[in-house]
Amino acid sequence: MSASPQILVVEDSRIHARIIQRCLGEHYDLRVETTTEDAVPRLVGGNFALLIVDWGLPGASGLSLARTLRRDPDFQDLPILMQTAKDRAEHVAEALEVGVDDYIVKPIDCESLNEKVRLLL
């Protein structure tokens, strides 16, 4: 049996992190960080198949992390799923322009999240 794909989740809300864990934890190896500053060393030292990042984080935003990763040759191909309460078309467009691969609006529905993760992996 092969190992579960590793996913890094960057989410500062314990409640939202638990929801993601409940939705995905049975099928994937999840690691959670609460800030982009903590996520970067984890990304550099890890072998993640996917990044799920919240747009609104303390300090640097998830959008800023996605922008930085897309400029780094080591992370240009890492799939990024942005999660956020921002649901306006211009927010989605901005995230996609930065290089985010997909976008999910909170509150997160487990079925939708699982489908997006399956497609990205």
C-alpha atoms as a PDB file:
ATOM      1  CA  MET A   1       0.000   0.000   0.000  1.00  0.00           C
ATOM      2  CA  SER A   2       1.414   3.392  -0.980  1.00  0.00           C
ATOM      3  CA  ALA A   3       1.763   6.281   1.435  1.00  0.00           C
ATOM      4  CA  SER A   4      -0.922   8.952   1.472  1.00  0.00           C
ATOM      5  CA  PRO A   5      -0.032  12.166  -0.366  1.00  0.00           C
ATOM      6  CA  GLN A   6       1.199  14.897   1.965  1.00  0.00           C
ATOM      7  CA  ILE A   7      -0.782  18.123   2.046  1.00  0.00           C
ATOM      8  CA  LEU A   8       0.296  21.292   3.804  1.00  0.00           C
ATOM      9  CA  VAL A   9      -2.616  23.300   5.177  1.00  0.00           C
ATOM     10  CA  VAL A  10      -1.961  26.918   6.168  1.00  0.00           C
ATOM     11  CA  GLU A  11      -4.935  28.040   8.248  1.00  0.00           C
ATOM     12  CA  ASP A  12      -4.961  30.245  11.345  1.00  0.00           C
ATOM     13  CA  SER A  13      -8.470  29.257  12.470  1.00  0.00           C
ATOM     14  CA  ARG A  14      -8.542  26.105  14.588  1.00  0.00           C
ATOM     15  CA  ILE A  15     -12.150  25.524  13.583  1.00  0.00           C
ATOM     16  CA  HIS A  16     -11.400  25.660   9.850  1.00  0.00           C
ATOM     17  CA  ALA A  17      -8.279  23.532  10.308  1.00  0.00           C
ATOM     18  CA  ARG A  18     -10.411  20.893  12.082  1.00  0.00           C
ATOM     19  CA  ILE A  19     -12.985  20.955   9.292  1.00  0.00           C
ATOM     20  CA  ILE A  20     -10.248  20.311   6.722  1.00  0.00           C
ATOM     21  CA  GLN A  21      -8.822  17.540   8.910  1.00  0.00           C
ATOM     22  CA  ARG A  22     -12.275  15.941   9.184  1.00  0.00           C
ATOM     23  CA  CYS A  23     -12.809  16.212   5.423  1.00  0.00           C
ATOM     24  CA  LEU A  24      -9.397  14.999   4.251  1.00  0.00           C
ATOM     25  CA  GLY A  25      -7.593  13.342   7.149  1.00  0.00           C
ATOM     26  CA  GLU A  26      -8.760   9.833   6.359  1.00  0.00           C
ATOM     27  CA  HIS A  27      -7.200   9.851   2.881  1.00  0.00           C
ATOM     28  CA  TYR A  28      -4.273  12.262   3.103  1.00  0.00           C
ATOM     29  CA  ASP A  29      -1.308  13.002   5.356  1.00  0.00           C
ATOM     30  CA  LEU A  30      -2.040  16.546   6.548  1.00  0.00           C
ATOM     31  CA  ARG A  31       0.373  18.994   8.140  1.00  0.00           C
ATOM     32  CA  VAL A  32      -1.013  22.263   9.499  1.00  0.00           C
ATOM     33  CA  GLU A  33       0.707  25.609   9.989  1.00  0.00           C
ATOM     34  CA  THR A  34      -0.981  28.820  11.126  1.00  0.00           C
ATOM     35  CA  THR A  35       1.146  31.443   9.337  1.00  0.00           C
ATOM     36  CA  THR A  36       2.962  31.779   6.038  1.00  0.00           C
ATOM     37  CA  GLU A  37       6.152  32.404   8.003  1.00  0.00           C
ATOM     38  CA  ASP A  38       5.854  28.948   9.585  1.00  0.00           C
ATOM     39  CA  ALA A  39       4.750  27.340   6.323  1.00  0.00           C
ATOM     40  CA  VAL A  40       7.779  28.329   4.233  1.00  0.00           C
ATOM     41  CA  PRO A  41      10.383  26.282   6.156  1.00  0.00           C
ATOM     42  CA  ARG A  42       7.959  23.344   6.221  1.00  0.00           C
ATOM     43  CA  LEU A  43       7.542  23.599   2.427  1.00  0.00           C
ATOM     44  CA  VAL A  44      11.293  23.831   1.835  1.00  0.00           C
ATOM     45  CA  GLY A  45      11.959  20.816   4.044  1.00  0.00           C
ATOM     46  CA  GLY A  46       9.015  18.729   2.888  1.00  0.00           C
ATOM     47  CA  ASN A  47       7.692  16.804  -0.049  1.00  0.00           C
ATOM     48  CA  PHE A  48       4.141  18.086  -0.369  1.00  0.00           C
ATOM     49  CA  ALA A  49       1.773  17.107  -3.143  1.00  0.00           C
ATOM     50  CA  LEU A  50      -0.563  20.058  -2.474  1.00  0.00           C
ATOM     51  CA  LEU A  51      -0.792  23.327  -0.564  1.00  0.00           C
ATOM     52  CA  ILE A  52      -4.141  24.439   0.856  1.00  0.00           C
ATOM     53  CA  VAL A  53      -3.794  28.019   2.032  1.00  0.00           C
ATOM     54  CA  ASP A  54      -6.162  30.541   3.556  1.00  0.00           C
ATOM     55  CA  TRP A  55      -6.134  33.967   1.913  1.00  0.00           C
ATOM     56  CA  GLY A  56      -6.456  35.925   5.175  1.00  0.00           C
ATOM     57  CA  LEU A  57      -3.629  34.997   7.514  1.00  0.00           C
ATOM     58  CA  PRO A  58      -1.817  37.007  10.180  1.00  0.00           C
ATOM     59  CA  GLY A  59       1.331  38.600   8.752  1.00  0.00           C
ATOM     60  CA  ALA A  60       1.835  37.760   5.087  1.00  0.00           C
ATOM     61  CA  SER A  61      -1.358  36.641   3.347  1.00  0.00           C
ATOM     62  CA  GLY A  62      -1.935  33.320   1.653  1.00  0.00           C
ATOM     63  CA  LEU A  63      -2.137  35.216  -1.627  1.00  0.00           C
ATOM     64  CA  SER A  64       1.314  36.649  -1.025  1.00  0.00           C
ATOM     65  CA  LEU A  65       2.631  33.133  -0.260  1.00  0.00           C
ATOM     66  CA  ALA A  66       1.157  31.831  -3.522  1.00  0.00           C
ATOM     67  CA  ARG A  67       2.756  34.718  -5.432  1.00  0.00           C
ATOM     68  CA  THR A  68       6.154  33.988  -3.849  1.00  0.00           C
ATOM     69  CA  LEU A  69       5.918  30.252  -4.573  1.00  0.00           C
ATOM     70  CA  ARG A  70       5.048  30.829  -8.229  1.00  0.00           C
ATOM     71  CA  ARG A  71       8.265  32.845  -8.633  1.00  0.00           C
ATOM     72  CA  ASP A  72      10.392  30.036  -7.150  1.00  0.00           C
ATOM     73  CA  PRO A  73      11.373  27.314  -9.669  1.00  0.00           C
ATOM     74  CA  ASP A  74      11.214  24.686  -6.898  1.00  0.00           C
ATOM     75  CA  PHE A  75       7.528  25.394  -6.261  1.00  0.00           C
ATOM     76  CA  GLN A  76       6.142  26.489  -9.623  1.00  0.00           C
ATOM     77  CA  ASP A  77       4.457  23.111 -10.126  1.00  0.00           C
ATOM     78  CA  LEU A  78       3.114  22.685  -6.580  1.00  0.00           C
ATOM     79  CA  PRO A  79      -0.699  22.715  -6.803  1.00  0.00           C
ATOM     80  CA  ILE A  80      -2.223  25.459  -4.656  1.00  0.00           C
ATOM     81  CA  LEU A  81      -5.817  25.495  -3.442  1.00  0.00           C
ATOM     82  CA  MET A  82      -6.854  28.866  -1.995  1.00  0.00           C
ATOM     83  CA  GLN A  83      -9.544  28.817   0.674  1.00  0.00           C
ATOM     84  CA  THR A  84     -11.234  31.997   1.772  1.00  0.00           C
ATOM     85  CA  ALA A  85     -14.439  33.765   2.673  1.00  0.00           C
ATOM     86  CA  LYS A  86     -13.780  36.151  -0.266  1.00  0.00           C
ATOM     87  CA  ASP A  87     -16.379  35.088  -2.789  1.00  0.00           C
ATOM     88  CA  ARG A  88     -16.492  37.922  -5.317  1.00  0.00           C
ATOM     89  CA  ALA A  89     -15.467  37.300  -8.909  1.00  0.00           C
ATOM     90  CA  GLU A  90     -12.594  39.789  -8.690  1.00  0.00           C
ATOM     91  CA  HIS A  91     -11.117  37.881  -5.731  1.00  0.00           C
ATOM     92  CA  VAL A  92     -11.214  34.616  -7.646  1.00  0.00           C
ATOM     93  CA  ALA A  93      -9.652  36.328 -10.675  1.00  0.00           C
ATOM     94  CA  GLU A  94      -6.886  37.852  -8.543  1.00  0.00           C
ATOM     95  CA  ALA A  95      -6.012  34.482  -7.001  1.00  0.00           C
ATOM     96  CA  LEU A  96      -5.961  32.768 -10.386  1.00  0.00           C
ATOM     97  CA  GLU A  97      -3.770  35.545 -11.848  1.00  0.00           C
ATOM     98  CA  VAL A  98      -1.246  34.971  -9.054  1.00  0.00           C
ATOM     99  CA  GLY A  99      -1.099  31.293  -9.993  1.00  0.00           C
ATOM    100  CA  VAL A 100      -3.467  29.585  -7.584  1.00  0.00           C
ATOM    101  CA  ASP A 101      -4.770  26.396  -9.217  1.00  0.00           C
ATOM    102  CA  ASP A 102      -8.207  26.347  -7.614  1.00  0.00           C
ATOM    103  CA  TYR A 103     -10.322  28.275  -5.130  1.00  0.00           C
ATOM    104  CA  ILE A 104     -12.834  27.205  -2.489  1.00  0.00           C
ATOM    105  CA  VAL A 105     -15.081  29.527  -0.500  1.00  0.00           C
ATOM    106  CA  LYS A 106     -15.748  29.088   3.217  1.00  0.00           C
ATOM    107  CA  PRO A 107     -17.719  27.565   4.765  1.00  0.00           C
ATOM    108  CA  ILE A 108     -16.090  24.521   3.241  1.00  0.00           C
ATOM    109  CA  ASP A 109     -18.217  21.645   2.056  1.00  0.00           C
ATOM    110  CA  CYS A 110     -16.367  18.316   2.470  1.00  0.00           C
ATOM    111  CA  GLU A 111     -17.616  16.868  -0.791  1.00  0.00           C
ATOM    112  CA  SER A 112     -16.473  19.924  -2.786  1.00  0.00           C
ATOM    113  CA  LEU A 113     -13.122  20.018  -0.983  1.00  0.00           C
ATOM    114  CA  ASN A 114     -12.467  16.335  -1.635  1.00  0.00           C
ATOM    115  CA  GLU A 115     -13.333  16.724  -5.303  1.00  0.00           C
ATOM    116  CA  LYS A 116     -11.040  19.740  -5.735  1.00  0.00           C
ATOM    117  CA  VAL A 117      -8.179  17.929  -3.984  1.00  0.00           C
ATOM    118  CA  ARG A 118      -8.655  14.825  -6.128  1.00  0.00           C
ATOM    119  CA  LEU A 119      -8.557  16.936  -9.290  1.00  0.00           C
ATOM    120  CA  LEU A 120      -5.423  18.806  -8.199  1.00  0.00           C
ATOM    121  CA  LEU A 121      -3.551  15.646  -7.271  1.00  0.00           C
END
